[in-house]
Amino acid sequence: MMKFNKNKVQNANFFMSGLALGTLGLKVLTSKDARKVYANVVAAGLRAKESIMQTAEKVQASSGDILAEAKEINEARSEELFKEVTEEVKEK
């Protein structure tokens, strides 16, 4: 009579179950319905990317305007300080 090691039989069952589930999973993942879902998910991702890029462009343009305005403020302040210092020197 053949003696089977219970652990080896259990491991073989797990292996065969995994193989069957993997094969079934591949069939499900490559089905037409799954492809439609994948296409919709990718389309949503592309729409999200486009929206994010538009927002980033707006933020970049706004920050460029803010930077230009800040430089003008600093130039005007420097001119005022220069005038004040030159007036103080003239008074002395």
PDB file of N, CA and C in Angstrom:
ATOM      1  N   MET A   1       0.823  -1.176   0.000  1.00  0.00           N
ATOM      2  CA  MET A   1       0.000   0.000   0.000  1.00  0.00           C
ATOM      3  C   MET A   1       0.873   1.248   0.000  1.00  0.00           C
ATOM      4  N   MET A   2       0.463   2.289  -0.753  1.00  0.00           N
ATOM      5  CA  MET A   2       1.259   3.520  -0.837  1.00  0.00           C
ATOM      6  C   MET A   2       0.941   4.428   0.331  1.00  0.00           C
ATOM      7  N   LYS A   3       1.998   4.998   0.858  1.00  0.00           N
ATOM      8  CA  LYS A   3       1.819   5.952   1.948  1.00  0.00           C
ATOM      9  C   LYS A   3       2.064   7.362   1.383  1.00  0.00           C
ATOM     10  N   PHE A   4       1.108   8.237   1.601  1.00  0.00           N
ATOM     11  CA  PHE A   4       1.243   9.627   1.160  1.00  0.00           C
ATOM     12  C   PHE A   4       1.549  10.506   2.355  1.00  0.00           C
ATOM     13  N   ASN A   5       2.507  11.367   2.152  1.00  0.00           N
ATOM     14  CA  ASN A   5       2.806  12.360   3.178  1.00  0.00           C
ATOM     15  C   ASN A   5       1.741  13.446   3.083  1.00  0.00           C
ATOM     16  N   LYS A   6       1.056  13.676   4.181  1.00  0.00           N
ATOM     17  CA  LYS A   6      -0.053  14.638   4.199  1.00  0.00           C
ATOM     18  C   LYS A   6       0.411  16.034   3.788  1.00  0.00           C
ATOM     19  N   ASN A   7       1.582  16.426   4.211  1.00  0.00           N
ATOM     20  CA  ASN A   7       2.124  17.753   3.895  1.00  0.00           C
ATOM     21  C   ASN A   7       2.380  17.892   2.392  1.00  0.00           C
ATOM     22  N   LYS A   8       2.905  16.845   1.746  1.00  0.00           N
ATOM     23  CA  LYS A   8       3.184  16.890   0.308  1.00  0.00           C
ATOM     24  C   LYS A   8       1.893  16.954  -0.499  1.00  0.00           C
ATOM     25  N   VAL A   9       0.880  16.225  -0.066  1.00  0.00           N
ATOM     26  CA  VAL A   9      -0.408  16.249  -0.753  1.00  0.00           C
ATOM     27  C   VAL A   9      -1.040  17.636  -0.627  1.00  0.00           C
ATOM     28  N   GLN A  10      -0.938  18.198   0.565  1.00  0.00           N
ATOM     29  CA  GLN A  10      -1.492  19.536   0.792  1.00  0.00           C
ATOM     30  C   GLN A  10      -0.771  20.572  -0.072  1.00  0.00           C
ATOM     31  N   ASN A  11       0.540  20.494  -0.161  1.00  0.00           N
ATOM     32  CA  ASN A  11       1.316  21.417  -0.994  1.00  0.00           C
ATOM     33  C   ASN A  11       0.949  21.267  -2.469  1.00  0.00           C
ATOM     34  N   ALA A  12       0.744  20.025  -2.909  1.00  0.00           N
ATOM     35  CA  ALA A  12       0.350  19.785  -4.298  1.00  0.00           C
ATOM     36  C   ALA A  12      -1.032  20.373  -4.564  1.00  0.00           C
ATOM     37  N   ASN A  13      -1.935  20.244  -3.607  1.00  0.00           N
ATOM     38  CA  ASN A  13      -3.275  20.817  -3.755  1.00  0.00           C
ATOM     39  C   ASN A  13      -3.199  22.352  -3.838  1.00  0.00           C
ATOM     40  N   PHE A  14      -2.377  22.948  -3.005  1.00  0.00           N
ATOM     41  CA  PHE A  14      -2.212  24.404  -3.049  1.00  0.00           C
ATOM     42  C   PHE A  14      -1.653  24.851  -4.399  1.00  0.00           C
ATOM     43  N   PHE A  15      -0.678  24.102  -4.892  1.00  0.00           N
ATOM     44  CA  PHE A  15      -0.078  24.434  -6.181  1.00  0.00           C
ATOM     45  C   PHE A  15      -1.113  24.346  -7.295  1.00  0.00           C
ATOM     46  N   MET A  16      -1.868  23.281  -7.341  1.00  0.00           N
ATOM     47  CA  MET A  16      -2.882  23.106  -8.386  1.00  0.00           C
ATOM     48  C   MET A  16      -3.982  24.170  -8.263  1.00  0.00           C
ATOM     49  N   SER A  17      -4.361  24.503  -7.043  1.00  0.00           N
ATOM     50  CA  SER A  17      -5.376  25.552  -6.838  1.00  0.00           C
ATOM     51  C   SER A  17      -4.857  26.897  -7.332  1.00  0.00           C
ATOM     52  N   GLY A  18      -3.612  27.203  -7.029  1.00  0.00           N
ATOM     53  CA  GLY A  18      -3.007  28.456  -7.490  1.00  0.00           C
ATOM     54  C   GLY A  18      -2.918  28.521  -8.997  1.00  0.00           C
ATOM     55  N   LEU A  19      -2.554  27.408  -9.597  1.00  0.00           N
ATOM     56  CA  LEU A  19      -2.471  27.339 -11.058  1.00  0.00           C
ATOM     57  C   LEU A  19      -3.842  27.562 -11.688  1.00  0.00           C
ATOM     58  N   ALA A  20      -4.862  26.931 -11.126  1.00  0.00           N
ATOM     59  CA  ALA A  20      -6.219  27.093 -11.652  1.00  0.00           C
ATOM     60  C   ALA A  20      -6.707  28.526 -11.476  1.00  0.00           C
ATOM     61  N   LEU A  21      -6.484  29.103 -10.306  1.00  0.00           N
ATOM     62  CA  LEU A  21      -6.906  30.487 -10.062  1.00  0.00           C
ATOM     63  C   LEU A  21      -6.141  31.458 -10.954  1.00  0.00           C
ATOM     64  N   GLY A  22      -4.868  31.213 -11.166  1.00  0.00           N
ATOM     65  CA  GLY A  22      -4.075  32.074 -12.051  1.00  0.00           C
ATOM     66  C   GLY A  22      -4.581  32.034 -13.474  1.00  0.00           C
ATOM     67  N   THR A  23      -4.903  30.843 -13.952  1.00  0.00           N
ATOM     68  CA  THR A  23      -5.444  30.696 -15.304  1.00  0.00           C
ATOM     69  C   THR A  23      -6.787  31.394 -15.424  1.00  0.00           C
ATOM     70  N   LEU A  24      -7.638  31.188 -14.436  1.00  0.00           N
ATOM     71  CA  LEU A  24      -8.941  31.846 -14.430  1.00  0.00           C
ATOM     72  C   LEU A  24      -8.782  33.365 -14.362  1.00  0.00           C
ATOM     73  N   GLY A  25      -7.848  33.824 -13.539  1.00  0.00           N
ATOM     74  CA  GLY A  25      -7.590  35.259 -13.422  1.00  0.00           C
ATOM     75  C   GLY A  25      -7.150  35.865 -14.741  1.00  0.00           C
ATOM     76  N   LEU A  26      -6.281  35.170 -15.459  1.00  0.00           N
ATOM     77  CA  LEU A  26      -5.843  35.672 -16.767  1.00  0.00           C
ATOM     78  C   LEU A  26      -7.001  35.764 -17.746  1.00  0.00           C
ATOM     79  N   LYS A  27      -7.877  34.780 -17.717  1.00  0.00           N
ATOM     80  CA  LYS A  27      -9.048  34.810 -18.607  1.00  0.00           C
ATOM     81  C   LYS A  27      -9.945  35.993 -18.266  1.00  0.00           C
ATOM     82  N   VAL A  28     -10.143  36.240 -16.982  1.00  0.00           N
ATOM     83  CA  VAL A  28     -10.988  37.364 -16.564  1.00  0.00           C
ATOM     84  C   VAL A  28     -10.339  38.686 -16.939  1.00  0.00           C
ATOM     85  N   LEU A  29      -9.040  38.809 -16.699  1.00  0.00           N
ATOM     86  CA  LEU A  29      -8.342  40.065 -16.966  1.00  0.00           C
ATOM     87  C   LEU A  29      -8.252  40.392 -18.451  1.00  0.00           C
ATOM     88  N   THR A  30      -8.304  39.391 -19.304  1.00  0.00           N
ATOM     89  CA  THR A  30      -8.194  39.634 -20.741  1.00  0.00           C
ATOM     90  C   THR A  30      -9.545  39.606 -21.446  1.00  0.00           C
ATOM     91  N   SER A  31     -10.632  39.557 -20.689  1.00  0.00           N
ATOM     92  CA  SER A  31     -11.956  39.528 -21.301  1.00  0.00           C
ATOM     93  C   SER A  31     -12.313  40.901 -21.876  1.00  0.00           C
ATOM     94  N   LYS A  32     -13.323  40.933 -22.736  1.00  0.00           N
ATOM     95  CA  LYS A  32     -13.754  42.181 -23.371  1.00  0.00           C
ATOM     96  C   LYS A  32     -14.287  43.160 -22.334  1.00  0.00           C
ATOM     97  N   ASP A  33     -15.026  42.661 -21.359  1.00  0.00           N
ATOM     98  CA  ASP A  33     -15.553  43.540 -20.306  1.00  0.00           C
ATOM     99  C   ASP A  33     -14.426  44.183 -19.509  1.00  0.00           C
ATOM    100  N   ALA A  34     -13.409  43.396 -19.195  1.00  0.00           N
ATOM    101  CA  ALA A  34     -12.274  43.934 -18.439  1.00  0.00           C
ATOM    102  C   ALA A  34     -11.550  44.991 -19.265  1.00  0.00           C
ATOM    103  N   ARG A  35     -11.407  44.755 -20.562  1.00  0.00           N
ATOM    104  CA  ARG A  35     -10.747  45.734 -21.436  1.00  0.00           C
ATOM    105  C   ARG A  35     -11.507  47.051 -21.443  1.00  0.00           C
ATOM    106  N   LYS A  36     -12.841  46.983 -21.414  1.00  0.00           N
ATOM    107  CA  LYS A  36     -13.652  48.208 -21.369  1.00  0.00           C
ATOM    108  C   LYS A  36     -13.398  48.962 -20.068  1.00  0.00           C
ATOM    109  N   VAL A  37     -13.327  48.223 -18.982  1.00  0.00           N
ATOM    110  CA  VAL A  37     -13.047  48.847 -17.686  1.00  0.00           C
ATOM    111  C   VAL A  37     -11.672  49.501 -17.709  1.00  0.00           C
ATOM    112  N   TYR A  38     -10.670  48.795 -18.225  1.00  0.00           N
ATOM    113  CA  TYR A  38      -9.316  49.350 -18.301  1.00  0.00           C
ATOM    114  C   TYR A  38      -9.304  50.623 -19.146  1.00  0.00           C
ATOM    115  N   ALA A  39     -10.003  50.592 -20.278  1.00  0.00           N
ATOM    116  CA  ALA A  39     -10.044  51.760 -21.159  1.00  0.00           C
ATOM    117  C   ALA A  39     -10.691  52.944 -20.453  1.00  0.00           C
ATOM    118  N   ASN A  40     -11.764  52.701 -19.709  1.00  0.00           N
ATOM    119  CA  ASN A  40     -12.423  53.790 -18.977  1.00  0.00           C
ATOM    120  C   ASN A  40     -11.539  54.342 -17.870  1.00  0.00           C
ATOM    121  N   VAL A  41     -10.813  53.465 -17.194  1.00  0.00           N
ATOM    122  CA  VAL A  41      -9.909  53.916 -16.132  1.00  0.00           C
ATOM    123  C   VAL A  41      -8.775  54.760 -16.728  1.00  0.00           C
ATOM    124  N   VAL A  42      -8.207  54.314 -17.830  1.00  0.00           N
ATOM    125  CA  VAL A  42      -7.130  55.073 -18.479  1.00  0.00           C
ATOM    126  C   VAL A  42      -7.658  56.410 -18.996  1.00  0.00           C
ATOM    127  N   ALA A  43      -8.869  56.420 -19.557  1.00  0.00           N
ATOM    128  CA  ALA A  43      -9.465  57.670 -20.046  1.00  0.00           C
ATOM    129  C   ALA A  43      -9.668  58.647 -18.896  1.00  0.00           C
ATOM    130  N   ALA A  44     -10.136  58.155 -17.761  1.00  0.00           N
ATOM    131  CA  ALA A  44     -10.312  59.017 -16.593  1.00  0.00           C
ATOM    132  C   ALA A  44      -8.960  59.562 -16.125  1.00  0.00           C
ATOM    133  N   GLY A  45      -7.946  58.723 -16.165  1.00  0.00           N
ATOM    134  CA  GLY A  45      -6.604  59.172 -15.787  1.00  0.00           C
ATOM    135  C   GLY A  45      -6.089  60.259 -16.714  1.00  0.00           C
ATOM    136  N   LEU A  46      -6.341  60.122 -18.005  1.00  0.00           N
ATOM    137  CA  LEU A  46      -5.908  61.142 -18.966  1.00  0.00           C
ATOM    138  C   LEU A  46      -6.646  62.452 -18.745  1.00  0.00           C
ATOM    139  N   ARG A  47      -7.963  62.361 -18.435  1.00  0.00           N
ATOM    140  CA  ARG A  47      -8.716  63.583 -18.144  1.00  0.00           C
ATOM    141  C   ARG A  47      -8.178  64.269 -16.896  1.00  0.00           C
ATOM    142  N   ALA A  48      -7.868  63.476 -15.881  1.00  0.00           N
ATOM    143  CA  ALA A  48      -7.319  64.033 -14.647  1.00  0.00           C
ATOM    144  C   ALA A  48      -5.968  64.693 -14.906  1.00  0.00           C
ATOM    145  N   LYS A  49      -5.149  64.048 -15.728  1.00  0.00           N
ATOM    146  CA  LYS A  49      -3.834  64.613 -16.052  1.00  0.00           C
ATOM    147  C   LYS A  49      -4.000  65.950 -16.753  1.00  0.00           C
ATOM    148  N   GLU A  50      -4.923  66.029 -17.709  1.00  0.00           N
ATOM    149  CA  GLU A  50      -5.154  67.271 -18.448  1.00  0.00           C
ATOM    150  C   GLU A  50      -5.619  68.383 -17.514  1.00  0.00           C
ATOM    151  N   SER A  51      -6.511  68.045 -16.605  1.00  0.00           N
ATOM    152  CA  SER A  51      -7.006  69.024 -15.646  1.00  0.00           C
ATOM    153  C   SER A  51      -5.876  69.523 -14.744  1.00  0.00           C
ATOM    154  N   ILE A  52      -5.045  68.613 -14.296  1.00  0.00           N
ATOM    155  CA  ILE A  52      -3.915  68.991 -13.433  1.00  0.00           C
ATOM    156  C   ILE A  52      -2.934  69.870 -14.194  1.00  0.00           C
ATOM    157  N   MET A  53      -2.676  69.544 -15.455  1.00  0.00           N
ATOM    158  CA  MET A  53      -1.751  70.355 -16.253  1.00  0.00           C
ATOM    159  C   MET A  53      -2.302  71.764 -16.467  1.00  0.00           C
ATOM    160  N   GLN A  54      -3.604  71.891 -16.703  1.00  0.00           N
ATOM    161  CA  GLN A  54      -4.203  73.221 -16.875  1.00  0.00           C
ATOM    162  C   GLN A  54      -4.085  74.026 -15.590  1.00  0.00           C
ATOM    163  N   THR A  55      -4.347  73.388 -14.466  1.00  0.00           N
ATOM    164  CA  THR A  55      -4.225  74.074 -13.178  1.00  0.00           C
ATOM    165  C   THR A  55      -2.784  74.485 -12.926  1.00  0.00           C
ATOM    166  N   ALA A  56      -1.846  73.611 -13.250  1.00  0.00           N
ATOM    167  CA  ALA A  56      -0.433  73.932 -13.047  1.00  0.00           C
ATOM    168  C   ALA A  56      -0.012  75.109 -13.909  1.00  0.00           C
ATOM    169  N   GLU A  57      -0.515  75.176 -15.142  1.00  0.00           N
ATOM    170  CA  GLU A  57      -0.189  76.309 -16.015  1.00  0.00           C
ATOM    171  C   GLU A  57      -0.732  77.601 -15.443  1.00  0.00           C
ATOM    172  N   LYS A  58      -1.953  77.578 -14.896  1.00  0.00           N
ATOM    173  CA  LYS A  58      -2.538  78.777 -14.291  1.00  0.00           C
ATOM    174  C   LYS A  58      -1.719  79.225 -13.086  1.00  0.00           C
ATOM    175  N   VAL A  59      -1.327  78.274 -12.266  1.00  0.00           N
ATOM    176  CA  VAL A  59      -0.533  78.605 -11.080  1.00  0.00           C
ATOM    177  C   VAL A  59       0.818  79.179 -11.496  1.00  0.00           C
ATOM    178  N   GLN A  60       1.417  78.600 -12.519  1.00  0.00           N
ATOM    179  CA  GLN A  60       2.720  79.067 -12.992  1.00  0.00           C
ATOM    180  C   GLN A  60       2.603  80.495 -13.528  1.00  0.00           C
ATOM    181  N   ALA A  61       1.552  80.776 -14.292  1.00  0.00           N
ATOM    182  CA  ALA A  61       1.361  82.125 -14.825  1.00  0.00           C
ATOM    183  C   ALA A  61       1.126  83.116 -13.696  1.00  0.00           C
ATOM    184  N   SER A  62       0.335  82.718 -12.730  1.00  0.00           N
ATOM    185  CA  SER A  62       0.042  83.585 -11.595  1.00  0.00           C
ATOM    186  C   SER A  62       1.302  83.858 -10.782  1.00  0.00           C
ATOM    187  N   SER A  63       2.093  82.834 -10.562  1.00  0.00           N
ATOM    188  CA  SER A  63       3.317  83.030  -9.781  1.00  0.00           C
ATOM    189  C   SER A  63       4.315  83.898 -10.535  1.00  0.00           C
ATOM    190  N   GLY A  64       4.319  83.803 -11.866  1.00  0.00           N
ATOM    191  CA  GLY A  64       5.192  84.680 -12.654  1.00  0.00           C
ATOM    192  C   GLY A  64       4.779  86.140 -12.508  1.00  0.00           C
ATOM    193  N   ASP A  65       3.461  86.393 -12.505  1.00  0.00           N
ATOM    194  CA  ASP A  65       2.964  87.754 -12.306  1.00  0.00           C
ATOM    195  C   ASP A  65       3.324  88.268 -10.921  1.00  0.00           C
ATOM    196  N   ILE A  66       3.176  87.421  -9.919  1.00  0.00           N
ATOM    197  CA  ILE A  66       3.501  87.812  -8.541  1.00  0.00           C
ATOM    198  C   ILE A  66       4.987  88.124  -8.415  1.00  0.00           C
ATOM    199  N   LEU A  67       5.826  87.325  -9.045  1.00  0.00           N
ATOM    200  CA  LEU A  67       7.268  87.551  -8.995  1.00  0.00           C
ATOM    201  C   LEU A  67       7.630  88.877  -9.654  1.00  0.00           C
ATOM    202  N   ALA A  68       7.034  89.159 -10.812  1.00  0.00           N
ATOM    203  CA  ALA A  68       7.314  90.418 -11.502  1.00  0.00           C
ATOM    204  C   ALA A  68       6.880  91.606 -10.644  1.00  0.00           C
ATOM    205  N   GLU A  69       5.717  91.498 -10.011  1.00  0.00           N
ATOM    206  CA  GLU A  69       5.232  92.585  -9.163  1.00  0.00           C
ATOM    207  C   GLU A  69       6.132  92.775  -7.946  1.00  0.00           C
ATOM    208  N   ALA A  70       6.604  91.682  -7.375  1.00  0.00           N
ATOM    209  CA  ALA A  70       7.508  91.772  -6.222  1.00  0.00           C
ATOM    210  C   ALA A  70       8.819  92.444  -6.610  1.00  0.00           C
ATOM    211  N   LYS A  71       9.330  92.160  -7.799  1.00  0.00           N
ATOM    212  CA  LYS A  71      10.561  92.813  -8.262  1.00  0.00           C
ATOM    213  C   LYS A  71      10.346  94.311  -8.442  1.00  0.00           C
ATOM    214  N   GLU A  72       9.187  94.689  -8.982  1.00  0.00           N
ATOM    215  CA  GLU A  72       8.888  96.118  -9.143  1.00  0.00           C
ATOM    216  C   GLU A  72       8.812  96.806  -7.795  1.00  0.00           C
ATOM    217  N   ILE A  73       8.191  96.157  -6.819  1.00  0.00           N
ATOM    218  CA  ILE A  73       8.094  96.732  -5.472  1.00  0.00           C
ATOM    219  C   ILE A  73       9.478  96.928  -4.883  1.00  0.00           C
ATOM    220  N   ASN A  74      10.348  95.941  -5.038  1.00  0.00           N
ATOM    221  CA  ASN A  74      11.707  96.055  -4.496  1.00  0.00           C
ATOM    222  C   ASN A  74      12.506  97.148  -5.201  1.00  0.00           C
ATOM    223  N   GLU A  75      12.323  97.299  -6.517  1.00  0.00           N
ATOM    224  CA  GLU A  75      13.022  98.361  -7.241  1.00  0.00           C
ATOM    225  C   GLU A  75      12.549  99.731  -6.773  1.00  0.00           C
ATOM    226  N   ALA A  76      11.246  99.893  -6.607  1.00  0.00           N
ATOM    227  CA  ALA A  76      10.705 101.172  -6.132  1.00  0.00           C
ATOM    228  C   ALA A  76      11.200 101.465  -4.724  1.00  0.00           C
ATOM    229  N   ARG A  77      11.253 100.477  -3.889  1.00  0.00           N
ATOM    230  CA  ARG A  77      11.737 100.662  -2.513  1.00  0.00           C
ATOM    231  C   ARG A  77      13.212 101.043  -2.513  1.00  0.00           C
ATOM    232  N   SER A  78      13.989 100.391  -3.371  1.00  0.00           N
ATOM    233  CA  SER A  78      15.409 100.723  -3.456  1.00  0.00           C
ATOM    234  C   SER A  78      15.610 102.164  -3.910  1.00  0.00           C
ATOM    235  N   GLU A  79      14.819 102.607  -4.868  1.00  0.00           N
ATOM    236  CA  GLU A  79      14.914 103.993  -5.337  1.00  0.00           C
ATOM    237  C   GLU A  79      14.558 104.973  -4.234  1.00  0.00           C
ATOM    238  N   GLU A  80      13.517 104.664  -3.458  1.00  0.00           N
ATOM    239  CA  GLU A  80      13.130 105.536  -2.348  1.00  0.00           C
ATOM    240  C   GLU A  80      14.232 105.609  -1.306  1.00  0.00           C
ATOM    241  N   LEU A  81      14.818 104.469  -0.957  1.00  0.00           N
ATOM    242  CA  LEU A  81      15.903 104.459   0.023  1.00  0.00           C
ATOM    243  C   LEU A  81      17.110 105.226  -0.496  1.00  0.00           C
ATOM    244  N   PHE A  82      17.408 105.063  -1.788  1.00  0.00           N
ATOM    245  CA  PHE A  82      18.534 105.778  -2.376  1.00  0.00           C
ATOM    246  C   PHE A  82      18.295 107.289  -2.304  1.00  0.00           C
ATOM    247  N   LYS A  83      17.071 107.736  -2.599  1.00  0.00           N
ATOM    248  CA  LYS A  83      16.743 109.160  -2.522  1.00  0.00           C
ATOM    249  C   LYS A  83      16.870 109.678  -1.100  1.00  0.00           C
ATOM    250  N   GLU A  84      16.376 108.894  -0.133  1.00  0.00           N
ATOM    251  CA  GLU A  84      16.472 109.315   1.268  1.00  0.00           C
ATOM    252  C   GLU A  84      17.925 109.445   1.703  1.00  0.00           C
ATOM    253  N   VAL A  85      18.757 108.490   1.315  1.00  0.00           N
ATOM    254  CA  VAL A  85      20.173 108.532   1.717  1.00  0.00           C
ATOM    255  C   VAL A  85      20.864 109.703   1.042  1.00  0.00           C
ATOM    256  N   THR A  86      20.603 109.959  -0.223  1.00  0.00           N
ATOM    257  CA  THR A  86      21.252 111.078  -0.908  1.00  0.00           C
ATOM    258  C   THR A  86      20.800 112.410  -0.321  1.00  0.00           C
ATOM    259  N   GLU A  87      19.550 112.529   0.103  1.00  0.00           N
ATOM    260  CA  GLU A  87      19.072 113.762   0.735  1.00  0.00           C
ATOM    261  C   GLU A  87      19.749 113.972   2.073  1.00  0.00           C
ATOM    262  N   GLU A  88      19.942 112.890   2.859  1.00  0.00           N
ATOM    263  CA  GLU A  88      20.613 112.981   4.155  1.00  0.00           C
ATOM    264  C   GLU A  88      22.064 113.399   3.952  1.00  0.00           C
ATOM    265  N   VAL A  89      22.704 112.892   2.940  1.00  0.00           N
ATOM    266  CA  VAL A  89      24.102 113.248   2.680  1.00  0.00           C
ATOM    267  C   VAL A  89      24.186 114.703   2.267  1.00  0.00           C
ATOM    268  N   LYS A  90      23.260 115.192   1.473  1.00  0.00           N
ATOM    269  CA  LYS A  90      23.261 116.583   1.050  1.00  0.00           C
ATOM    270  C   LYS A  90      23.053 117.523   2.230  1.00  0.00           C
ATOM    271  N   GLU A  91      22.225 117.126   3.189  1.00  0.00           N
ATOM    272  CA  GLU A  91      21.943 117.960   4.341  1.00  0.00           C
ATOM    273  C   GLU A  91      23.152 118.084   5.246  1.00  0.00           C
ATOM    274  N   LYS A  92      24.014 117.129   5.259  1.00  0.00           N
ATOM    275  CA  LYS A  92      25.185 117.155   6.151  1.00  0.00           C
ATOM    276  C   LYS A  92      26.262 117.925   5.504  1.00  0.00           C
TER     277      LYS A  92
END
